[in-house]
Amino acid sequence: EEFVNALVNSLRNKTVDRLKKTYRNLDVLLVDDIQFLQERLNFENEFCTMFEALINQSRQIVITSDQPPSELQLSERMIARMEWGLVAQLGMPDLETRVAILQHKAELRGLQLEQKTAFLLAQHLQSNVRQIEGIINKLCAQSRLLNLPVTDELAMQNLSELLGSTKREEYRISAEEIIELVSRHFGIKICDIKSTKRVKDISLARQVAMFLAREWVVGPLISLGMAFQKTHSTILHAYKTIERKIPKDKDLFIKIEAVRAAIRSKALIT
């Protein structure tokens, strides 16, 4: 965007030569989100010319995009130049690297983050590094403003809020599918979850299924109640019960997050 704006201004002020001199005498050119030049042929042509000028001078160019070069709506000339170099996919860091990033970010902010807490967070922060930044910022603010130590309980509470912030409308999943996922992760039969049995493990799995259905399924409580053969007030009671237990029960939290991950994998449609 900065490049496009600079080119527009130089054309308006008739200072294109000055712009070319600036960009073509760089040692290293780093360009983020090259897809921004899609369907901007005039700007793309100027960028491609600059690209070639730098390459001819053995300068370093690094370009990032949200898609591989072959899938971008750019000219064949530009795509060919990009594929001429090293094309590499950047994925999410592995668990150990995420732990190291969490501890490093915490250290930079003067936050005491024990390794076991960092591992707990890293196991569930698998979407992007911005989530890691966000959770550290929030923990740091809470620790300083409320004078609280960063415990596993506090970390899990913030993690639950962060991972549960995705809008339900972005997902399509039924209560029946959630019951099936809970059954698989908790080792409880589907028929038992839907039953009236009050055995502790069965009751917990049933309440978790209701909690997640309330969290992810778009629709009225009455519809959820029909799926569980319960009243809507029972669904609401189960939701509040599990919501209170999560910050206090580490094992329960981890199981619920595992089911949430399965829901995201199964139901994301956007």
Protein backbone atom coordinates (compact mmCIF):
# COMPACT_ATOMS: atom_id res chain seq x y z
CA GLU A 1 0.00 0.00 0.00
CA GLU A 2 2.85 2.35 0.83
CA PHE A 3 4.44 1.59 -2.55
CA VAL A 4 1.17 2.26 -4.40
CA ASN A 5 0.62 5.54 -2.55
CA ALA A 6 4.20 6.64 -3.23
CA LEU A 7 3.82 5.86 -6.93
CA VAL A 8 0.51 7.75 -7.14
CA ASN A 9 2.08 10.81 -5.48
CA SER A 10 5.15 10.68 -7.70
CA LEU A 11 2.99 10.55 -10.82
CA ARG A 12 0.90 13.45 -9.56
CA ASN A 13 4.00 15.50 -8.70
CA LYS A 14 6.01 14.33 -11.72
CA THR A 15 8.77 12.87 -9.53
CA VAL A 16 8.75 9.28 -10.82
CA ASP A 17 12.51 9.31 -11.46
CA ARG A 18 13.14 10.16 -7.81
CA LEU A 19 10.91 7.29 -6.72
CA LYS A 20 12.70 4.85 -9.03
CA LYS A 21 16.06 5.97 -7.71
CA THR A 22 14.89 5.38 -4.13
CA TYR A 23 13.50 1.91 -4.67
CA ARG A 24 16.11 0.65 -7.12
CA ASN A 25 19.06 1.43 -4.85
CA LEU A 26 18.00 -0.68 -1.92
CA ASP A 27 20.16 -3.45 -0.50
CA VAL A 28 17.14 -5.45 0.64
CA LEU A 29 13.48 -5.09 -0.35
CA LEU A 30 10.90 -6.67 1.98
CA VAL A 31 7.33 -6.70 0.67
CA ASP A 32 4.44 -7.98 2.78
CA ASP A 33 1.06 -8.97 1.23
CA ILE A 34 1.99 -8.80 -2.45
CA GLN A 35 -1.61 -9.84 -3.22
CA PHE A 36 -2.45 -6.17 -2.65
CA LEU A 37 -1.20 -5.54 -6.20
CA GLN A 38 -3.76 -7.91 -7.72
CA GLU A 39 -5.86 -6.21 -10.44
CA ARG A 40 -3.60 -3.14 -10.30
CA LEU A 41 -1.80 -3.68 -13.59
CA ASN A 42 -0.05 -0.31 -13.82
CA PHE A 43 1.39 -0.60 -10.32
CA GLU A 44 2.27 -4.24 -10.88
CA ASN A 45 4.21 -3.39 -14.03
CA GLU A 46 6.23 -0.75 -12.21
CA PHE A 47 6.90 -3.13 -9.33
CA CYS A 48 7.99 -5.88 -11.73
CA THR A 49 10.41 -3.51 -13.45
CA MET A 50 11.83 -2.52 -10.06
CA PHE A 51 12.03 -6.21 -9.12
CA GLU A 52 14.12 -6.99 -12.21
CA ALA A 53 16.36 -3.97 -11.67
CA LEU A 54 17.20 -5.13 -8.15
CA ILE A 55 17.76 -8.73 -9.23
CA ASN A 56 20.15 -7.57 -11.93
CA GLN A 57 22.13 -5.81 -9.21
CA SER A 58 22.20 -9.02 -7.10
CA ARG A 59 20.07 -7.42 -4.41
CA GLN A 60 17.91 -9.42 -1.99
CA ILE A 61 14.12 -9.45 -2.34
CA VAL A 62 11.71 -11.14 0.09
CA ILE A 63 7.99 -11.25 -0.71
CA THR A 64 5.11 -12.66 1.31
CA SER A 65 1.54 -13.43 0.30
CA ASP A 66 -1.45 -15.32 1.66
CA GLN A 67 -1.36 -17.76 -1.29
CA PRO A 68 1.28 -19.49 -3.42
CA PRO A 69 2.44 -17.38 -6.42
CA SER A 70 0.60 -19.64 -8.88
CA GLU A 71 -2.75 -18.85 -7.20
CA LEU A 72 -2.36 -15.07 -7.20
CA GLN A 73 -4.23 -12.93 -9.72
CA LEU A 74 -1.03 -11.38 -11.04
CA SER A 75 0.50 -11.30 -14.51
CA GLU A 76 2.42 -14.33 -15.80
CA ARG A 77 5.52 -12.14 -15.84
CA MET A 78 5.23 -11.33 -12.14
CA ILE A 79 4.39 -14.90 -11.13
CA ALA A 80 7.35 -16.22 -13.10
CA ARG A 81 9.70 -13.78 -11.34
CA MET A 82 8.40 -14.86 -7.93
CA GLU A 83 8.68 -18.58 -8.72
CA TRP A 84 12.22 -17.98 -9.94
CA GLY A 85 13.30 -17.62 -6.33
CA LEU A 86 12.82 -19.91 -3.33
CA VAL A 87 9.13 -20.45 -2.59
CA ALA A 88 8.55 -21.57 1.01
CA GLN A 89 5.39 -22.13 3.03
CA LEU A 90 5.44 -20.63 6.53
CA GLY A 91 3.33 -22.64 8.96
CA MET A 92 2.55 -22.41 12.65
CA PRO A 93 5.61 -23.02 14.90
CA ASP A 94 5.78 -26.42 16.59
CA LEU A 95 4.98 -26.88 20.29
CA GLU A 96 8.52 -26.29 21.59
CA THR A 97 8.91 -23.16 19.49
CA ARG A 98 5.55 -21.80 20.69
CA VAL A 99 6.65 -22.37 24.29
CA ALA A 100 9.90 -20.51 23.59
CA ILE A 101 7.98 -17.62 21.96
CA LEU A 102 5.59 -17.39 24.91
CA GLN A 103 8.41 -17.30 27.43
CA HIS A 104 10.39 -14.79 25.39
CA LYS A 105 7.39 -12.46 24.98
CA ALA A 106 6.63 -12.77 28.69
CA GLU A 107 10.25 -12.00 29.60
CA LEU A 108 10.22 -8.89 27.41
CA ARG A 109 7.24 -7.63 29.42
CA GLY A 110 8.72 -8.56 32.78
CA LEU A 111 6.11 -11.28 33.30
CA GLN A 112 6.87 -14.41 35.35
CA LEU A 113 5.61 -17.34 33.24
CA GLU A 114 6.48 -20.82 34.48
CA GLN A 115 7.38 -23.41 31.86
CA LYS A 116 4.46 -25.70 32.70
CA THR A 117 2.05 -22.78 32.24
CA ALA A 118 3.72 -21.90 28.95
CA PHE A 119 3.28 -25.51 27.79
CA LEU A 120 -0.37 -25.42 28.80
CA LEU A 121 -0.93 -22.30 26.70
CA ALA A 122 1.18 -23.50 23.76
CA GLN A 123 -0.79 -26.74 23.48
CA HIS A 124 -3.92 -24.78 22.60
CA LEU A 125 -2.57 -21.71 20.78
CA GLN A 126 -2.24 -23.27 17.35
CA SER A 127 -3.97 -20.74 15.13
CA ASN A 128 -1.42 -17.91 14.75
CA VAL A 129 1.31 -16.05 16.58
CA ARG A 130 -0.99 -13.06 17.12
CA GLN A 131 -2.92 -15.20 19.61
CA ILE A 132 0.31 -15.72 21.51
CA GLU A 133 0.90 -11.97 21.59
CA GLY A 134 -2.69 -11.40 22.70
CA ILE A 135 -2.66 -13.87 25.59
CA ILE A 136 0.66 -12.52 26.91
CA ASN A 137 -0.61 -8.93 26.72
CA LYS A 138 -3.77 -9.85 28.62
CA LEU A 139 -1.96 -11.87 31.28
CA CYS A 140 0.55 -9.08 31.74
CA ALA A 141 -2.21 -6.49 32.18
CA GLN A 142 -4.11 -8.63 34.68
CA SER A 143 -0.98 -9.49 36.63
CA ARG A 144 0.04 -5.84 37.00
CA LEU A 145 -3.34 -4.17 37.41
CA LEU A 146 -4.80 -6.76 39.79
CA ASN A 147 -1.48 -7.77 41.38
CA LEU A 148 -2.05 -11.43 40.55
CA PRO A 149 0.49 -14.18 39.89
CA VAL A 150 0.17 -15.96 36.53
CA THR A 151 -1.20 -19.31 37.66
CA ASP A 152 -2.48 -22.19 35.53
CA GLU A 153 -6.00 -21.23 36.57
CA LEU A 154 -5.61 -17.63 35.39
CA ALA A 155 -3.98 -18.80 32.14
CA MET A 156 -6.81 -21.27 31.44
CA GLN A 157 -9.47 -18.65 32.15
CA ASN A 158 -7.92 -16.24 29.65
CA LEU A 159 -7.32 -19.00 27.15
CA SER A 160 -10.95 -20.07 27.32
CA GLU A 161 -12.10 -16.50 26.69
CA LEU A 162 -9.68 -16.10 23.78
CA LEU A 163 -10.53 -19.35 22.02
CA GLY A 164 -14.22 -18.94 22.64
CA SER A 165 -14.34 -15.51 21.03
CA THR A 166 -14.85 -16.78 17.47
CA LYS A 167 -18.32 -16.01 16.23
CA ARG A 168 -20.64 -19.01 16.12
CA GLU A 169 -22.08 -17.82 12.81
CA GLU A 170 -18.77 -18.70 11.13
CA TYR A 171 -19.38 -22.37 11.90
CA ARG A 172 -22.07 -24.87 10.98
CA ILE A 173 -22.47 -27.83 13.27
CA SER A 174 -25.42 -29.63 14.85
CA ALA A 175 -26.03 -30.67 18.44
CA GLU A 176 -25.93 -34.30 17.31
CA GLU A 177 -22.43 -33.85 15.90
CA ILE A 178 -21.26 -32.21 19.13
CA ILE A 179 -22.71 -35.07 21.18
CA GLU A 180 -20.77 -37.49 18.96
CA LEU A 181 -17.50 -35.56 19.47
CA VAL A 182 -18.00 -35.38 23.24
CA SER A 183 -18.77 -39.10 23.28
CA ARG A 184 -15.51 -39.82 21.48
CA HIS A 185 -13.30 -37.58 23.67
CA PHE A 186 -14.92 -38.48 27.02
CA GLY A 187 -15.34 -42.19 26.32
CA ILE A 188 -19.08 -42.11 27.06
CA LYS A 189 -21.68 -43.73 24.78
CA ILE A 190 -24.01 -41.42 22.87
CA CYS A 191 -27.06 -43.22 24.24
CA ASP A 192 -25.78 -42.62 27.79
CA ILE A 193 -25.27 -38.90 27.16
CA LYS A 194 -28.87 -38.66 25.99
CA SER A 195 -30.16 -40.80 28.85
CA THR A 196 -31.28 -39.76 32.32
CA LYS A 197 -28.48 -41.66 34.06
CA ARG A 198 -26.87 -39.68 36.89
CA VAL A 199 -23.53 -41.49 37.08
CA LYS A 200 -20.84 -38.83 37.64
CA ASP A 201 -18.86 -39.39 34.41
CA ILE A 202 -22.01 -39.58 32.30
CA SER A 203 -23.52 -36.47 33.88
CA LEU A 204 -20.29 -34.53 33.29
CA ALA A 205 -20.09 -35.57 29.62
CA ARG A 206 -23.78 -34.67 29.20
CA GLN A 207 -23.25 -31.21 30.70
CA VAL A 208 -20.15 -30.63 28.56
CA ALA A 209 -22.10 -31.58 25.44
CA MET A 210 -24.84 -29.13 26.42
CA PHE A 211 -22.26 -26.45 27.20
CA LEU A 212 -20.56 -26.81 23.82
CA ALA A 213 -23.85 -27.06 21.96
CA ARG A 214 -24.96 -23.81 23.60
CA GLU A 215 -21.62 -22.28 22.64
CA TRP A 216 -21.44 -23.43 19.00
CA VAL A 217 -24.88 -24.30 17.65
CA VAL A 218 -26.78 -21.33 16.23
CA GLY A 219 -30.42 -21.49 17.27
CA PRO A 220 -32.85 -21.20 20.20
CA LEU A 221 -32.39 -23.11 23.44
CA ILE A 222 -35.64 -24.96 22.83
CA SER A 223 -34.12 -26.60 19.74
CA LEU A 224 -31.06 -27.67 21.73
CA GLY A 225 -33.33 -29.06 24.42
CA MET A 226 -35.08 -31.24 21.85
CA ALA A 227 -31.71 -32.66 20.69
CA PHE A 228 -30.90 -33.69 24.27
CA GLN A 229 -34.51 -34.53 25.15
CA LYS A 230 -34.28 -31.95 27.94
CA THR A 231 -35.85 -28.57 28.68
CA HIS A 232 -34.15 -25.35 27.65
CA SER A 233 -33.66 -24.47 31.33
CA THR A 234 -31.65 -27.70 31.78
CA ILE A 235 -29.38 -26.66 28.89
CA LEU A 236 -28.83 -23.25 30.47
CA HIS A 237 -28.12 -24.77 33.89
CA ALA A 238 -25.55 -27.16 32.36
CA TYR A 239 -23.86 -24.27 30.55
CA LYS A 240 -23.47 -22.21 33.72
CA THR A 241 -22.26 -25.25 35.69
CA ILE A 242 -19.46 -26.06 33.23
CA GLU A 243 -18.59 -22.38 32.85
CA ARG A 244 -17.92 -22.23 36.63
CA LYS A 245 -15.90 -25.47 36.62
CA ILE A 246 -13.53 -24.66 33.74
CA PRO A 247 -11.24 -22.19 35.57
CA LYS A 248 -10.87 -24.60 38.51
CA ASP A 249 -10.45 -27.94 36.72
CA LYS A 250 -7.36 -28.17 34.51
CA ASP A 251 -8.15 -31.67 33.17
CA LEU A 252 -11.71 -30.69 32.29
CA PHE A 253 -10.45 -27.57 30.54
CA ILE A 254 -8.00 -29.57 28.42
CA LYS A 255 -10.71 -32.08 27.42
CA ILE A 256 -13.12 -29.31 26.46
CA GLU A 257 -10.44 -27.56 24.40
CA ALA A 258 -9.76 -30.85 22.60
CA VAL A 259 -13.44 -31.08 21.67
CA ARG A 260 -13.45 -27.42 20.62
CA ALA A 261 -10.50 -28.09 18.32
CA ALA A 262 -12.41 -31.00 16.79
CA ILE A 263 -15.46 -28.75 16.32
CA ARG A 264 -13.37 -26.12 14.54
CA SER A 265 -11.85 -28.74 12.27
CA LYS A 266 -15.23 -30.26 11.44
CA ALA A 267 -17.44 -27.20 11.21
CA LEU A 268 -15.49 -24.21 9.82
CA ILE A 269 -17.17 -23.00 6.63
CA THR A 270 -15.55 -19.58 6.06
